[in-house]
Amino acid sequence: MKHMSLQSQLAGSFLLMGLIVAAVGGISWQGTTKLSKEVNTLSDTALPSISGLWAINEGQTQIEASELRLLDPDLGTAEQQAAEDRIRAAWQQIDEGFKRYEATSRTEEEEERYQSLVQTWAAWKQNHQQYMDRYEQWAALEEGNASSGQTNTAFKALNAQGQANKASFDAATTDLLDLIEINEAVGKAAAESAKSVAELTQFWSATGAVAGFSSALGLGLVLSIAIAKPLGRKVSGVIKSVVSS
């Protein structure tokens, strides 16, 4: 650098500092963009999907529990009404859960599993409706003072339908839990990636700051020496000319 002119040294120094600033800025921008993407994956996809799917799963479980409750032949009218109300509330929760989940984006693997859920869910929903139809038939016979034979036959049919519903319930539940697991994996990967990006961005920002400070200090010393030497010679020459005159 000592063979370069003062102008070249100054230009090279400012260029080096500019490159360091640009590099740090580029790394920070890239890190921020990546971090934003991972945060969006968490907030816009993984979390809403998991929330919606759990709402569906919980609603389905409430319906199954209420179906079992309705099988109790000694259940009072108020308790029967309460069980029916819980079923209606569960369906509202399920509908809201599906709306929440379907509003999110899905990977190819998730879409395949979701299409499986569409089929298993339709089968279970149909079985549930058949169960409620048989329940209403049995309840009507109970209220209408039908013969014990008719009532027992209707109750057995209701109980058999409840047992038959188990297979479709389990199939739909399996698909739901698989979808939850997929989204939990997506959310975990996004969180780990965001953490890694944040740590890497912090490291390079700190490295850039240290490099910038060190470069500025080093270049300052070099330039001060480069400027001081010729300036000192000129001052010395002036002094000598003054003294000799």
C-alpha atoms as a PDB file:
ATOM      1  CA  MET A   1       0.000   0.000   0.000  1.00  0.00           C
ATOM      2  CA  LYS A   2       3.033   2.270   0.535  1.00  0.00           C
ATOM      3  CA  HIS A   3       3.662   2.357  -3.230  1.00  0.00           C
ATOM      4  CA  MET A   4       0.141   3.693  -3.884  1.00  0.00           C
ATOM      5  CA  SER A   5      -0.591   7.378  -4.167  1.00  0.00           C
ATOM      6  CA  LEU A   6      -2.439   9.071  -1.293  1.00  0.00           C
ATOM      7  CA  GLN A   7      -5.536   9.450  -3.473  1.00  0.00           C
ATOM      8  CA  SER A   8      -5.501   5.727  -4.317  1.00  0.00           C
ATOM      9  CA  GLN A   9      -5.056   4.829  -0.661  1.00  0.00           C
ATOM     10  CA  LEU A  10      -8.038   6.962   0.337  1.00  0.00           C
ATOM     11  CA  ALA A  11     -10.202   5.570  -2.450  1.00  0.00           C
ATOM     12  CA  GLY A  12      -9.202   1.974  -1.613  1.00  0.00           C
ATOM     13  CA  SER A  13      -9.908   2.515   2.072  1.00  0.00           C
ATOM     14  CA  PHE A  14     -13.394   3.898   1.476  1.00  0.00           C
ATOM     15  CA  LEU A  15     -14.082   1.097  -1.012  1.00  0.00           C
ATOM     16  CA  LEU A  16     -13.091  -1.528   1.537  1.00  0.00           C
ATOM     17  CA  MET A  17     -15.305   0.043   4.187  1.00  0.00           C
ATOM     18  CA  GLY A  18     -18.173   0.205   1.710  1.00  0.00           C
ATOM     19  CA  LEU A  19     -17.767  -3.489   0.854  1.00  0.00           C
ATOM     20  CA  ILE A  20     -17.840  -4.425   4.535  1.00  0.00           C
ATOM     21  CA  VAL A  21     -21.013  -2.390   5.139  1.00  0.00           C
ATOM     22  CA  ALA A  22     -22.639  -3.862   2.015  1.00  0.00           C
ATOM     23  CA  ALA A  23     -21.732  -7.415   3.078  1.00  0.00           C
ATOM     24  CA  VAL A  24     -23.154  -6.952   6.575  1.00  0.00           C
ATOM     25  CA  GLY A  25     -26.273  -5.310   5.166  1.00  0.00           C
ATOM     26  CA  GLY A  26     -26.744  -8.122   2.630  1.00  0.00           C
ATOM     27  CA  ILE A  27     -26.393 -10.832   5.272  1.00  0.00           C
ATOM     28  CA  SER A  28     -28.835  -9.016   7.567  1.00  0.00           C
ATOM     29  CA  TRP A  29     -31.379  -8.563   4.755  1.00  0.00           C
ATOM     30  CA  GLN A  30     -31.121 -12.215   3.731  1.00  0.00           C
ATOM     31  CA  GLY A  31     -31.475 -13.338   7.343  1.00  0.00           C
ATOM     32  CA  THR A  32     -34.468 -11.074   7.944  1.00  0.00           C
ATOM     33  CA  THR A  33     -36.185 -12.354   4.785  1.00  0.00           C
ATOM     34  CA  LYS A  34     -35.611 -15.990   5.744  1.00  0.00           C
ATOM     35  CA  LEU A  35     -36.699 -15.345   9.327  1.00  0.00           C
ATOM     36  CA  SER A  36     -39.877 -13.628   8.121  1.00  0.00           C
ATOM     37  CA  LYS A  37     -40.681 -16.620   5.920  1.00  0.00           C
ATOM     38  CA  GLU A  38     -40.310 -19.084   8.785  1.00  0.00           C
ATOM     39  CA  VAL A  39     -42.380 -16.901  11.128  1.00  0.00           C
ATOM     40  CA  ASN A  40     -45.126 -16.725   8.487  1.00  0.00           C
ATOM     41  CA  THR A  41     -45.051 -20.516   8.165  1.00  0.00           C
ATOM     42  CA  LEU A  42     -45.624 -20.778  11.897  1.00  0.00           C
ATOM     43  CA  SER A  43     -48.264 -18.076  12.247  1.00  0.00           C
ATOM     44  CA  ASP A  44     -50.152 -18.542   8.965  1.00  0.00           C
ATOM     45  CA  THR A  45     -49.933 -22.297   8.400  1.00  0.00           C
ATOM     46  CA  ALA A  46     -48.743 -24.569  11.198  1.00  0.00           C
ATOM     47  CA  LEU A  47     -50.465 -22.988  14.201  1.00  0.00           C
ATOM     48  CA  PRO A  48     -53.884 -22.341  12.546  1.00  0.00           C
ATOM     49  CA  SER A  49     -53.832 -25.856  11.047  1.00  0.00           C
ATOM     50  CA  ILE A  50     -53.058 -27.508  14.374  1.00  0.00           C
ATOM     51  CA  SER A  51     -55.648 -25.366  16.156  1.00  0.00           C
ATOM     52  CA  GLY A  52     -58.350 -26.217  13.595  1.00  0.00           C
ATOM     53  CA  LEU A  53     -57.540 -29.932  13.548  1.00  0.00           C
ATOM     54  CA  TRP A  54     -57.582 -30.198  17.332  1.00  0.00           C
ATOM     55  CA  ALA A  55     -60.948 -28.419  17.384  1.00  0.00           C
ATOM     56  CA  ILE A  56     -62.275 -31.033  14.939  1.00  0.00           C
ATOM     57  CA  ASN A  57     -60.803 -33.893  16.948  1.00  0.00           C
ATOM     58  CA  GLU A  58     -62.191 -32.592  20.234  1.00  0.00           C
ATOM     59  CA  GLY A  59     -65.623 -32.053  18.688  1.00  0.00           C
ATOM     60  CA  GLN A  60     -65.662 -35.592  17.318  1.00  0.00           C
ATOM     61  CA  THR A  61     -64.694 -36.971  20.739  1.00  0.00           C
ATOM     62  CA  GLN A  62     -67.491 -34.963  22.390  1.00  0.00           C
ATOM     63  CA  ILE A  63     -69.993 -36.404  19.913  1.00  0.00           C
ATOM     64  CA  GLU A  64     -68.856 -39.964  20.593  1.00  0.00           C
ATOM     65  CA  ALA A  65     -69.100 -39.392  24.356  1.00  0.00           C
ATOM     66  CA  SER A  66     -72.601 -37.950  23.944  1.00  0.00           C
ATOM     67  CA  GLU A  67     -73.642 -40.922  21.790  1.00  0.00           C
ATOM     68  CA  LEU A  68     -72.546 -43.264  24.570  1.00  0.00           C
ATOM     69  CA  ARG A  69     -74.417 -41.125  27.073  1.00  0.00           C
ATOM     70  CA  LEU A  70     -77.601 -41.429  25.046  1.00  0.00           C
ATOM     71  CA  LEU A  71     -77.357 -45.225  25.228  1.00  0.00           C
ATOM     72  CA  ASP A  72     -78.216 -45.095  28.926  1.00  0.00           C
ATOM     73  CA  PRO A  73     -81.871 -46.284  29.108  1.00  0.00           C
ATOM     74  CA  ASP A  74     -82.280 -44.634  32.524  1.00  0.00           C
ATOM     75  CA  LEU A  75     -81.280 -41.183  31.249  1.00  0.00           C
ATOM     76  CA  GLY A  76     -83.774 -38.476  32.176  1.00  0.00           C
ATOM     77  CA  THR A  77     -85.323 -36.035  29.707  1.00  0.00           C
ATOM     78  CA  ALA A  78     -83.153 -33.124  30.874  1.00  0.00           C
ATOM     79  CA  GLU A  79     -79.992 -35.222  30.585  1.00  0.00           C
ATOM     80  CA  GLN A  80     -80.995 -36.408  27.117  1.00  0.00           C
ATOM     81  CA  GLN A  81     -81.532 -32.803  26.056  1.00  0.00           C
ATOM     82  CA  ALA A  82     -78.149 -31.830  27.480  1.00  0.00           C
ATOM     83  CA  ALA A  83     -76.444 -34.611  25.508  1.00  0.00           C
ATOM     84  CA  GLU A  84     -78.203 -33.518  22.310  1.00  0.00           C
ATOM     85  CA  ASP A  85     -77.167 -29.912  22.951  1.00  0.00           C
ATOM     86  CA  ARG A  86     -73.542 -31.009  23.373  1.00  0.00           C
ATOM     87  CA  ILE A  87     -73.714 -32.800  20.022  1.00  0.00           C
ATOM     88  CA  ARG A  88     -75.016 -29.668  18.279  1.00  0.00           C
ATOM     89  CA  ALA A  89     -72.341 -27.518  19.936  1.00  0.00           C
ATOM     90  CA  ALA A  90     -69.678 -30.045  18.919  1.00  0.00           C
ATOM     91  CA  TRP A  91     -70.772 -29.859  15.274  1.00  0.00           C
ATOM     92  CA  GLN A  92     -70.468 -26.076  15.378  1.00  0.00           C
ATOM     93  CA  GLN A  93     -66.941 -26.426  16.777  1.00  0.00           C
ATOM     94  CA  ILE A  94     -66.112 -28.973  14.065  1.00  0.00           C
ATOM     95  CA  ASP A  95     -67.375 -26.687  11.300  1.00  0.00           C
ATOM     96  CA  GLU A  96     -65.291 -23.805  12.642  1.00  0.00           C
ATOM     97  CA  GLY A  97     -62.262 -26.097  12.883  1.00  0.00           C
ATOM     98  CA  PHE A  98     -62.609 -27.173   9.245  1.00  0.00           C
ATOM     99  CA  LYS A  99     -62.927 -23.544   8.109  1.00  0.00           C
ATOM    100  CA  ARG A 100     -59.789 -22.634  10.038  1.00  0.00           C
ATOM    101  CA  TYR A 101     -57.832 -25.569   8.654  1.00  0.00           C
ATOM    102  CA  GLU A 102     -58.992 -25.331   5.048  1.00  0.00           C
ATOM    103  CA  ALA A 103     -57.923 -21.663   4.910  1.00  0.00           C
ATOM    104  CA  THR A 104     -54.262 -22.690   5.265  1.00  0.00           C
ATOM    105  CA  SER A 105     -51.847 -23.916   2.601  1.00  0.00           C
ATOM    106  CA  ARG A 106     -50.944 -27.628   2.478  1.00  0.00           C
ATOM    107  CA  THR A 107     -47.961 -29.622   1.283  1.00  0.00           C
ATOM    108  CA  GLU A 108     -48.421 -32.440  -1.214  1.00  0.00           C
ATOM    109  CA  GLU A 109     -48.122 -35.043   1.547  1.00  0.00           C
ATOM    110  CA  GLU A 110     -50.627 -33.179   3.704  1.00  0.00           C
ATOM    111  CA  GLU A 111     -53.087 -32.768   0.826  1.00  0.00           C
ATOM    112  CA  GLU A 112     -52.996 -36.521   0.209  1.00  0.00           C
ATOM    113  CA  ARG A 113     -53.740 -37.225   3.868  1.00  0.00           C
ATOM    114  CA  TYR A 114     -56.455 -34.565   3.881  1.00  0.00           C
ATOM    115  CA  GLN A 115     -58.223 -36.202   0.940  1.00  0.00           C
ATOM    116  CA  SER A 116     -58.145 -39.430   2.932  1.00  0.00           C
ATOM    117  CA  LEU A 117     -59.729 -37.564   5.859  1.00  0.00           C
ATOM    118  CA  VAL A 118     -62.468 -36.215   3.568  1.00  0.00           C
ATOM    119  CA  GLN A 119     -63.484 -39.809   2.784  1.00  0.00           C
ATOM    120  CA  THR A 120     -63.181 -41.266   6.294  1.00  0.00           C
ATOM    121  CA  TRP A 121     -64.912 -38.235   7.782  1.00  0.00           C
ATOM    122  CA  ALA A 122     -67.849 -38.532   5.361  1.00  0.00           C
ATOM    123  CA  ALA A 123     -68.214 -42.200   6.314  1.00  0.00           C
ATOM    124  CA  TRP A 124     -68.188 -41.445  10.041  1.00  0.00           C
ATOM    125  CA  LYS A 125     -70.580 -38.504   9.638  1.00  0.00           C
ATOM    126  CA  GLN A 126     -73.016 -40.732   7.778  1.00  0.00           C
ATOM    127  CA  ASN A 127     -72.732 -43.379  10.507  1.00  0.00           C
ATOM    128  CA  HIS A 128     -73.377 -40.744  13.141  1.00  0.00           C
ATOM    129  CA  GLN A 129     -76.503 -39.567  11.332  1.00  0.00           C
ATOM    130  CA  GLN A 130     -77.717 -43.163  11.164  1.00  0.00           C
ATOM    131  CA  TYR A 131     -77.105 -43.424  14.898  1.00  0.00           C
ATOM    132  CA  MET A 132     -79.123 -40.275  15.594  1.00  0.00           C
ATOM    133  CA  ASP A 133     -81.946 -41.531  13.364  1.00  0.00           C
ATOM    134  CA  ARG A 134     -82.078 -44.793  15.316  1.00  0.00           C
ATOM    135  CA  TYR A 135     -81.909 -42.847  18.567  1.00  0.00           C
ATOM    136  CA  GLU A 136     -84.913 -40.744  17.572  1.00  0.00           C
ATOM    137  CA  GLN A 137     -86.824 -43.897  16.647  1.00  0.00           C
ATOM    138  CA  TRP A 138     -86.056 -45.463  19.993  1.00  0.00           C
ATOM    139  CA  ALA A 139     -86.854 -42.242  21.909  1.00  0.00           C
ATOM    140  CA  ALA A 140     -90.190 -41.951  20.063  1.00  0.00           C
ATOM    141  CA  LEU A 141     -91.098 -45.507  21.046  1.00  0.00           C
ATOM    142  CA  GLU A 142     -90.143 -44.770  24.648  1.00  0.00           C
ATOM    143  CA  GLU A 143     -92.326 -41.681  24.760  1.00  0.00           C
ATOM    144  CA  GLY A 144     -95.197 -43.368  22.884  1.00  0.00           C
ATOM    145  CA  ASN A 145     -95.521 -46.208  25.363  1.00  0.00           C
ATOM    146  CA  ALA A 146     -94.740 -48.827  22.720  1.00  0.00           C
ATOM    147  CA  SER A 147     -94.464 -52.486  23.669  1.00  0.00           C
ATOM    148  CA  SER A 148     -91.329 -53.565  25.427  1.00  0.00           C
ATOM    149  CA  GLY A 149     -90.508 -55.803  22.488  1.00  0.00           C
ATOM    150  CA  GLN A 150     -90.521 -52.899  20.045  1.00  0.00           C
ATOM    151  CA  THR A 151     -88.555 -50.713  22.403  1.00  0.00           C
ATOM    152  CA  ASN A 152     -85.960 -53.399  23.065  1.00  0.00           C
ATOM    153  CA  THR A 153     -85.576 -54.077  19.349  1.00  0.00           C
ATOM    154  CA  ALA A 154     -85.049 -50.366  18.650  1.00  0.00           C
ATOM    155  CA  PHE A 155     -82.559 -50.075  21.497  1.00  0.00           C
ATOM    156  CA  LYS A 156     -80.581 -53.079  20.259  1.00  0.00           C
ATOM    157  CA  ALA A 157     -80.464 -51.546  16.788  1.00  0.00           C
ATOM    158  CA  LEU A 158     -79.233 -48.272  18.329  1.00  0.00           C
ATOM    159  CA  ASN A 159     -76.564 -50.077  20.324  1.00  0.00           C
ATOM    160  CA  ALA A 160     -75.466 -52.059  17.250  1.00  0.00           C
ATOM    161  CA  GLN A 161     -75.167 -48.826  15.261  1.00  0.00           C
ATOM    162  CA  GLY A 162     -73.019 -47.337  18.003  1.00  0.00           C
ATOM    163  CA  GLN A 163     -70.690 -50.339  17.808  1.00  0.00           C
ATOM    164  CA  ALA A 164     -70.585 -50.131  13.996  1.00  0.00           C
ATOM    165  CA  ASN A 165     -69.627 -46.447  14.195  1.00  0.00           C
ATOM    166  CA  LYS A 166     -66.396 -47.356  15.990  1.00  0.00           C
ATOM    167  CA  ALA A 167     -64.520 -48.372  12.814  1.00  0.00           C
ATOM    168  CA  SER A 168     -65.281 -45.169  10.895  1.00  0.00           C
ATOM    169  CA  PHE A 169     -64.604 -43.089  14.033  1.00  0.00           C
ATOM    170  CA  ASP A 170     -61.151 -44.642  14.436  1.00  0.00           C
ATOM    171  CA  ALA A 171     -60.331 -44.220  10.723  1.00  0.00           C
ATOM    172  CA  ALA A 172     -61.227 -40.510  10.778  1.00  0.00           C
ATOM    173  CA  THR A 173     -59.355 -40.001  14.048  1.00  0.00           C
ATOM    174  CA  THR A 174     -56.237 -41.630  12.594  1.00  0.00           C
ATOM    175  CA  ASP A 175     -56.290 -39.239   9.619  1.00  0.00           C
ATOM    176  CA  LEU A 176     -56.821 -36.265  11.922  1.00  0.00           C
ATOM    177  CA  LEU A 177     -53.896 -37.217  14.161  1.00  0.00           C
ATOM    178  CA  ASP A 178     -51.680 -37.814  11.114  1.00  0.00           C
ATOM    179  CA  LEU A 179     -52.487 -34.311   9.851  1.00  0.00           C
ATOM    180  CA  ILE A 180     -51.739 -32.848  13.273  1.00  0.00           C
ATOM    181  CA  GLU A 181     -48.403 -34.691  13.327  1.00  0.00           C
ATOM    182  CA  ILE A 182     -47.523 -33.382   9.852  1.00  0.00           C
ATOM    183  CA  ASN A 183     -48.241 -29.792  10.876  1.00  0.00           C
ATOM    184  CA  GLU A 184     -46.377 -30.178  14.158  1.00  0.00           C
ATOM    185  CA  ALA A 185     -43.347 -31.336  12.147  1.00  0.00           C
ATOM    186  CA  VAL A 186     -43.708 -28.327   9.819  1.00  0.00           C
ATOM    187  CA  GLY A 187     -43.969 -25.980  12.785  1.00  0.00           C
ATOM    188  CA  LYS A 188     -40.980 -27.553  14.552  1.00  0.00           C
ATOM    189  CA  ALA A 189     -38.852 -27.333  11.392  1.00  0.00           C
ATOM    190  CA  ALA A 190     -39.828 -23.672  10.902  1.00  0.00           C
ATOM    191  CA  ALA A 191     -39.020 -22.842  14.531  1.00  0.00           C
ATOM    192  CA  GLU A 192     -35.621 -24.554  14.351  1.00  0.00           C
ATOM    193  CA  SER A 193     -34.832 -22.863  11.040  1.00  0.00           C
ATOM    194  CA  ALA A 194     -35.831 -19.464  12.429  1.00  0.00           C
ATOM    195  CA  LYS A 195     -33.595 -20.007  15.460  1.00  0.00           C
ATOM    196  CA  SER A 196     -30.676 -21.044  13.235  1.00  0.00           C
ATOM    197  CA  VAL A 197     -31.147 -18.057  10.929  1.00  0.00           C
ATOM    198  CA  ALA A 198     -31.342 -15.660  13.881  1.00  0.00           C
ATOM    199  CA  GLU A 199     -28.143 -17.051  15.414  1.00  0.00           C
ATOM    200  CA  LEU A 200     -26.310 -16.973  12.060  1.00  0.00           C
ATOM    201  CA  THR A 201     -27.437 -13.401  11.362  1.00  0.00           C
ATOM    202  CA  GLN A 202     -26.311 -12.290  14.818  1.00  0.00           C
ATOM    203  CA  PHE A 203     -22.922 -13.957  14.311  1.00  0.00           C
ATOM    204  CA  TRP A 204     -22.249 -12.341  10.940  1.00  0.00           C
ATOM    205  CA  SER A 205     -23.542  -8.966  12.119  1.00  0.00           C
ATOM    206  CA  ALA A 206     -21.176  -9.089  15.089  1.00  0.00           C
ATOM    207  CA  THR A 207     -18.333 -10.298  12.852  1.00  0.00           C
ATOM    208  CA  GLY A 208     -19.020  -7.505  10.377  1.00  0.00           C
ATOM    209  CA  ALA A 209     -19.083  -4.919  13.159  1.00  0.00           C
ATOM    210  CA  VAL A 210     -15.738  -6.131  14.530  1.00  0.00           C
ATOM    211  CA  ALA A 211     -14.239  -6.305  11.031  1.00  0.00           C
ATOM    212  CA  GLY A 212     -15.521  -2.830  10.212  1.00  0.00           C
ATOM    213  CA  PHE A 213     -14.145  -1.345  13.432  1.00  0.00           C
ATOM    214  CA  SER A 214     -10.783  -3.100  13.011  1.00  0.00           C
ATOM    215  CA  SER A 215     -10.522  -2.071   9.370  1.00  0.00           C
ATOM    216  CA  ALA A 216     -11.418   1.531  10.165  1.00  0.00           C
ATOM    217  CA  LEU A 217      -8.833   1.631  12.950  1.00  0.00           C
ATOM    218  CA  GLY A 218      -6.124   0.001  10.838  1.00  0.00           C
ATOM    219  CA  LEU A 219      -6.785   2.123   7.778  1.00  0.00           C
ATOM    220  CA  GLY A 220      -6.915   5.215   9.922  1.00  0.00           C
ATOM    221  CA  LEU A 221      -3.466   4.507  11.295  1.00  0.00           C
ATOM    222  CA  VAL A 222      -2.056   3.706   7.854  1.00  0.00           C
ATOM    223  CA  LEU A 223      -3.550   6.811   6.285  1.00  0.00           C
ATOM    224  CA  SER A 224      -2.497   9.054   9.153  1.00  0.00           C
ATOM    225  CA  ILE A 225       1.071   7.848   8.715  1.00  0.00           C
ATOM    226  CA  ALA A 226       0.834   8.231   4.946  1.00  0.00           C
ATOM    227  CA  ILE A 227      -0.436  11.780   5.336  1.00  0.00           C
ATOM    228  CA  ALA A 228       1.814  12.738   8.240  1.00  0.00           C
ATOM    229  CA  LYS A 229       5.129  11.852   6.556  1.00  0.00           C
ATOM    230  CA  PRO A 230       4.858  14.095   3.467  1.00  0.00           C
ATOM    231  CA  LEU A 231       3.203  16.803   5.524  1.00  0.00           C
ATOM    232  CA  GLY A 232       6.058  16.639   8.049  1.00  0.00           C
ATOM    233  CA  ARG A 233       8.624  16.928   5.290  1.00  0.00           C
ATOM    234  CA  LYS A 234       6.921  20.009   3.862  1.00  0.00           C
ATOM    235  CA  VAL A 235       6.635  21.648   7.275  1.00  0.00           C
ATOM    236  CA  SER A 236      10.300  20.896   7.956  1.00  0.00           C
ATOM    237  CA  GLY A 237      11.266  22.426   4.594  1.00  0.00           C
ATOM    238  CA  VAL A 238       9.294  25.559   5.341  1.00  0.00           C
ATOM    239  CA  ILE A 239      10.931  25.893   8.732  1.00  0.00           C
ATOM    240  CA  LYS A 240      14.407  25.477   7.264  1.00  0.00           C
ATOM    241  CA  SER A 241      13.745  28.091   4.583  1.00  0.00           C
ATOM    242  CA  VAL A 242      12.481  30.533   7.212  1.00  0.00           C
ATOM    243  CA  VAL A 243      15.499  29.942   9.414  1.00  0.00           C
ATOM    244  CA  SER A 244      17.983  30.272   6.562  1.00  0.00           C
ATOM    245  CA  SER A 245      16.451  33.538   5.459  1.00  0.00           C
END
